[in-house]
Amino acid sequence: MNRKTFKLWDRPEYYDPSLTDAVEVGDTLYLAGQCGQCPVTGKWGIGFEEQAVLVWKNIQVILGKFGLDCSSIVATTTFLSDPADGDKFVQVSNLFIPKGTTVAATCVASDRWDPILLLETAAIARLD
């Protein structure tokens, strides 16, 4: 099966080189979880809202490499370090997902990671 991939982070020190940020299979694009860290500077967003904006900007960059935008997203899974941030995440998401776009969204609370990481979002998008 032919697969097109894309790495947002082109620095092997950040993760296993066999992993990728996105893989295109057929007419579907699968995006690995994106976090609130700038891929250019490596700096983390300060606070939840800033990290959430960086998550969506990273998703936009990846989608753009495949000729897509956020209207192509059909599903997201978001992991939150604090479930109380769920409403804030929806508010930030609404800045990026065009009005009228329907997304199957799942949020999961998890405290099993580095305390600097406040959220991570994976997405699935249609290529057609």
C-alpha atoms as a PDB file:
ATOM      1  CA  MET A   1       0.000   0.000   0.000  1.00  0.00           C
ATOM      2  CA  ASN A   2       1.387   3.394  -1.036  1.00  0.00           C
ATOM      3  CA  ARG A   3       1.529   5.870   1.859  1.00  0.00           C
ATOM      4  CA  LYS A   4       2.459   9.528   1.798  1.00  0.00           C
ATOM      5  CA  THR A   5       3.785  10.869   5.107  1.00  0.00           C
ATOM      6  CA  PHE A   6       4.805  14.198   6.604  1.00  0.00           C
ATOM      7  CA  LYS A   7       6.864  15.141   9.653  1.00  0.00           C
ATOM      8  CA  LEU A   8       6.226  18.504  11.266  1.00  0.00           C
ATOM      9  CA  TRP A   9       9.327  18.025  13.379  1.00  0.00           C
ATOM     10  CA  ASP A  10      12.350  17.289  11.233  1.00  0.00           C
ATOM     11  CA  ARG A  11      14.619  16.778  14.202  1.00  0.00           C
ATOM     12  CA  PRO A  12      15.349  13.175  15.219  1.00  0.00           C
ATOM     13  CA  GLU A  13      16.041  14.143  18.829  1.00  0.00           C
ATOM     14  CA  TYR A  14      12.313  14.769  19.293  1.00  0.00           C
ATOM     15  CA  TYR A  15      10.994  11.315  18.483  1.00  0.00           C
ATOM     16  CA  ASP A  16      11.643   7.960  16.896  1.00  0.00           C
ATOM     17  CA  PRO A  17      12.460   8.488  13.190  1.00  0.00           C
ATOM     18  CA  SER A  18      10.068   5.693  12.210  1.00  0.00           C
ATOM     19  CA  LEU A  19       7.110   7.770  13.468  1.00  0.00           C
ATOM     20  CA  THR A  20       5.377  10.494  11.473  1.00  0.00           C
ATOM     21  CA  ASP A  21       2.950  13.340  12.130  1.00  0.00           C
ATOM     22  CA  ALA A  22       0.640  12.385   9.283  1.00  0.00           C
ATOM     23  CA  VAL A  23       0.039   9.474   6.962  1.00  0.00           C
ATOM     24  CA  GLU A  24      -2.204   9.451   3.915  1.00  0.00           C
ATOM     25  CA  VAL A  25      -3.931   6.142   3.212  1.00  0.00           C
ATOM     26  CA  GLY A  26      -6.411   6.114   0.352  1.00  0.00           C
ATOM     27  CA  ASP A  27      -8.698   9.123   0.733  1.00  0.00           C
ATOM     28  CA  THR A  28      -8.004   9.561   4.457  1.00  0.00           C
ATOM     29  CA  LEU A  29      -5.314  11.512   6.297  1.00  0.00           C
ATOM     30  CA  TYR A  30      -4.439  10.416   9.825  1.00  0.00           C
ATOM     31  CA  LEU A  31      -2.737  13.031  12.005  1.00  0.00           C
ATOM     32  CA  ALA A  32      -0.773  11.955  15.048  1.00  0.00           C
ATOM     33  CA  GLY A  33      -1.355  13.807  18.292  1.00  0.00           C
ATOM     34  CA  GLN A  34      -0.160  17.406  18.165  1.00  0.00           C
ATOM     35  CA  CYS A  35       0.873  19.266  21.284  1.00  0.00           C
ATOM     36  CA  GLY A  36       1.262  22.898  22.276  1.00  0.00           C
ATOM     37  CA  GLN A  37       4.882  23.210  21.278  1.00  0.00           C
ATOM     38  CA  CYS A  38       6.227  25.327  18.416  1.00  0.00           C
ATOM     39  CA  PRO A  39       8.032  23.093  15.888  1.00  0.00           C
ATOM     40  CA  VAL A  40      10.304  25.959  14.817  1.00  0.00           C
ATOM     41  CA  THR A  41      11.516  27.146  18.222  1.00  0.00           C
ATOM     42  CA  GLY A  42      10.753  24.085  20.357  1.00  0.00           C
ATOM     43  CA  LYS A  43       9.138  26.376  22.937  1.00  0.00           C
ATOM     44  CA  TRP A  44       5.983  25.334  24.770  1.00  0.00           C
ATOM     45  CA  GLY A  45       2.944  27.573  24.890  1.00  0.00           C
ATOM     46  CA  ILE A  46       2.400  29.348  28.200  1.00  0.00           C
ATOM     47  CA  GLY A  47      -0.888  28.182  29.698  1.00  0.00           C
ATOM     48  CA  PHE A  48      -3.708  26.131  28.269  1.00  0.00           C
ATOM     49  CA  GLU A  49      -5.085  28.564  25.682  1.00  0.00           C
ATOM     50  CA  GLU A  50      -1.681  29.266  24.138  1.00  0.00           C
ATOM     51  CA  GLN A  51      -0.928  25.549  23.920  1.00  0.00           C
ATOM     52  CA  ALA A  52      -4.354  24.891  22.376  1.00  0.00           C
ATOM     53  CA  VAL A  53      -3.709  27.535  19.708  1.00  0.00           C
ATOM     54  CA  LEU A  54      -0.328  25.927  18.936  1.00  0.00           C
ATOM     55  CA  VAL A  55      -2.026  22.522  18.638  1.00  0.00           C
ATOM     56  CA  TRP A  56      -4.400  23.892  16.012  1.00  0.00           C
ATOM     57  CA  LYS A  57      -1.653  25.816  14.190  1.00  0.00           C
ATOM     58  CA  ASN A  58       0.387  22.608  13.981  1.00  0.00           C
ATOM     59  CA  ILE A  59      -2.663  20.761  12.646  1.00  0.00           C
ATOM     60  CA  GLN A  60      -3.186  23.525  10.064  1.00  0.00           C
ATOM     61  CA  VAL A  61       0.415  23.234   8.851  1.00  0.00           C
ATOM     62  CA  ILE A  62       0.106  19.489   8.436  1.00  0.00           C
ATOM     63  CA  LEU A  63      -3.238  19.728   6.644  1.00  0.00           C
ATOM     64  CA  GLY A  64      -1.804  22.408   4.368  1.00  0.00           C
ATOM     65  CA  LYS A  65       0.994  20.074   3.256  1.00  0.00           C
ATOM     66  CA  PHE A  66      -1.754  17.847   1.849  1.00  0.00           C
ATOM     67  CA  GLY A  67      -3.737  20.706   0.300  1.00  0.00           C
ATOM     68  CA  LEU A  68      -6.344  20.651   3.066  1.00  0.00           C
ATOM     69  CA  ASP A  69      -7.665  22.948   5.773  1.00  0.00           C
ATOM     70  CA  CYS A  70      -9.578  22.371   9.001  1.00  0.00           C
ATOM     71  CA  SER A  71     -12.867  21.928   7.124  1.00  0.00           C
ATOM     72  CA  SER A  72     -11.497  18.530   6.017  1.00  0.00           C
ATOM     73  CA  ILE A  73     -11.336  17.204   9.591  1.00  0.00           C
ATOM     74  CA  VAL A  74     -13.956  14.549  10.361  1.00  0.00           C
ATOM     75  CA  ALA A  75     -12.765  13.375  13.802  1.00  0.00           C
ATOM     76  CA  THR A  76     -10.507  14.455  16.656  1.00  0.00           C
ATOM     77  CA  THR A  77      -9.316  12.842  19.862  1.00  0.00           C
ATOM     78  CA  THR A  78      -7.985  15.204  22.499  1.00  0.00           C
ATOM     79  CA  PHE A  79      -6.202  14.282  25.697  1.00  0.00           C
ATOM     80  CA  LEU A  80      -6.428  16.908  28.437  1.00  0.00           C
ATOM     81  CA  SER A  81      -4.281  16.989  31.552  1.00  0.00           C
ATOM     82  CA  ASP A  82      -7.168  18.727  33.344  1.00  0.00           C
ATOM     83  CA  PRO A  83     -10.764  17.874  32.411  1.00  0.00           C
ATOM     84  CA  ALA A  84     -11.808  21.360  33.515  1.00  0.00           C
ATOM     85  CA  ASP A  85     -10.097  22.689  30.361  1.00  0.00           C
ATOM     86  CA  GLY A  86     -12.628  20.985  28.073  1.00  0.00           C
ATOM     87  CA  ASP A  87     -14.752  24.109  27.543  1.00  0.00           C
ATOM     88  CA  LYS A  88     -11.652  26.218  26.837  1.00  0.00           C
ATOM     89  CA  PHE A  89     -10.555  23.685  24.249  1.00  0.00           C
ATOM     90  CA  VAL A  90     -13.917  23.848  22.479  1.00  0.00           C
ATOM     91  CA  GLN A  91     -13.687  27.662  22.392  1.00  0.00           C
ATOM     92  CA  VAL A  92     -10.206  27.591  20.843  1.00  0.00           C
ATOM     93  CA  SER A  93     -11.206  24.807  18.418  1.00  0.00           C
ATOM     94  CA  ASN A  94     -14.088  26.952  17.186  1.00  0.00           C
ATOM     95  CA  LEU A  95     -11.539  29.578  16.087  1.00  0.00           C
ATOM     96  CA  PHE A  96     -10.004  27.045  13.673  1.00  0.00           C
ATOM     97  CA  ILE A  97     -12.805  24.723  12.585  1.00  0.00           C
ATOM     98  CA  PRO A  98     -15.040  26.571  10.124  1.00  0.00           C
ATOM     99  CA  LYS A  99     -18.633  27.165  11.174  1.00  0.00           C
ATOM    100  CA  GLY A 100     -20.873  24.459   9.727  1.00  0.00           C
ATOM    101  CA  THR A 101     -18.121  21.807   9.792  1.00  0.00           C
ATOM    102  CA  THR A 102     -19.226  18.728  11.743  1.00  0.00           C
ATOM    103  CA  VAL A 103     -16.488  16.902  13.643  1.00  0.00           C
ATOM    104  CA  ALA A 104     -16.799  13.730  15.726  1.00  0.00           C
ATOM    105  CA  ALA A 105     -14.822  14.873  18.770  1.00  0.00           C
ATOM    106  CA  THR A 106     -13.647  12.889  21.766  1.00  0.00           C
ATOM    107  CA  CYS A 107     -11.954  14.323  24.885  1.00  0.00           C
ATOM    108  CA  VAL A 108     -10.121  12.153  27.381  1.00  0.00           C
ATOM    109  CA  ALA A 109      -8.611  13.291  30.687  1.00  0.00           C
ATOM    110  CA  SER A 110      -5.131  11.968  31.384  1.00  0.00           C
ATOM    111  CA  ASP A 111      -2.531  12.947  33.941  1.00  0.00           C
ATOM    112  CA  ARG A 112       0.047  10.383  32.837  1.00  0.00           C
ATOM    113  CA  TRP A 113       2.517  12.656  31.086  1.00  0.00           C
ATOM    114  CA  ASP A 114       4.988  15.476  31.536  1.00  0.00           C
ATOM    115  CA  PRO A 115       3.333  18.334  33.494  1.00  0.00           C
ATOM    116  CA  ILE A 116       4.302  20.885  30.801  1.00  0.00           C
ATOM    117  CA  LEU A 117       2.059  19.072  28.307  1.00  0.00           C
ATOM    118  CA  LEU A 118      -1.488  20.338  28.878  1.00  0.00           C
ATOM    119  CA  LEU A 119      -3.182  18.730  25.864  1.00  0.00           C
ATOM    120  CA  GLU A 120      -2.622  16.675  22.746  1.00  0.00           C
ATOM    121  CA  THR A 121      -4.981  16.340  19.770  1.00  0.00           C
ATOM    122  CA  ALA A 122      -5.009  13.730  17.005  1.00  0.00           C
ATOM    123  CA  ALA A 123      -7.232  14.138  13.948  1.00  0.00           C
ATOM    124  CA  ILE A 124      -8.593  12.328  10.925  1.00  0.00           C
ATOM    125  CA  ALA A 125      -9.309  14.234   7.714  1.00  0.00           C
ATOM    126  CA  ARG A 126     -10.862  13.379   4.350  1.00  0.00           C
ATOM    127  CA  LEU A 127      -8.823  14.094   1.225  1.00  0.00           C
ATOM    128  CA  ASP A 128     -11.803  14.450  -1.123  1.00  0.00           C
END
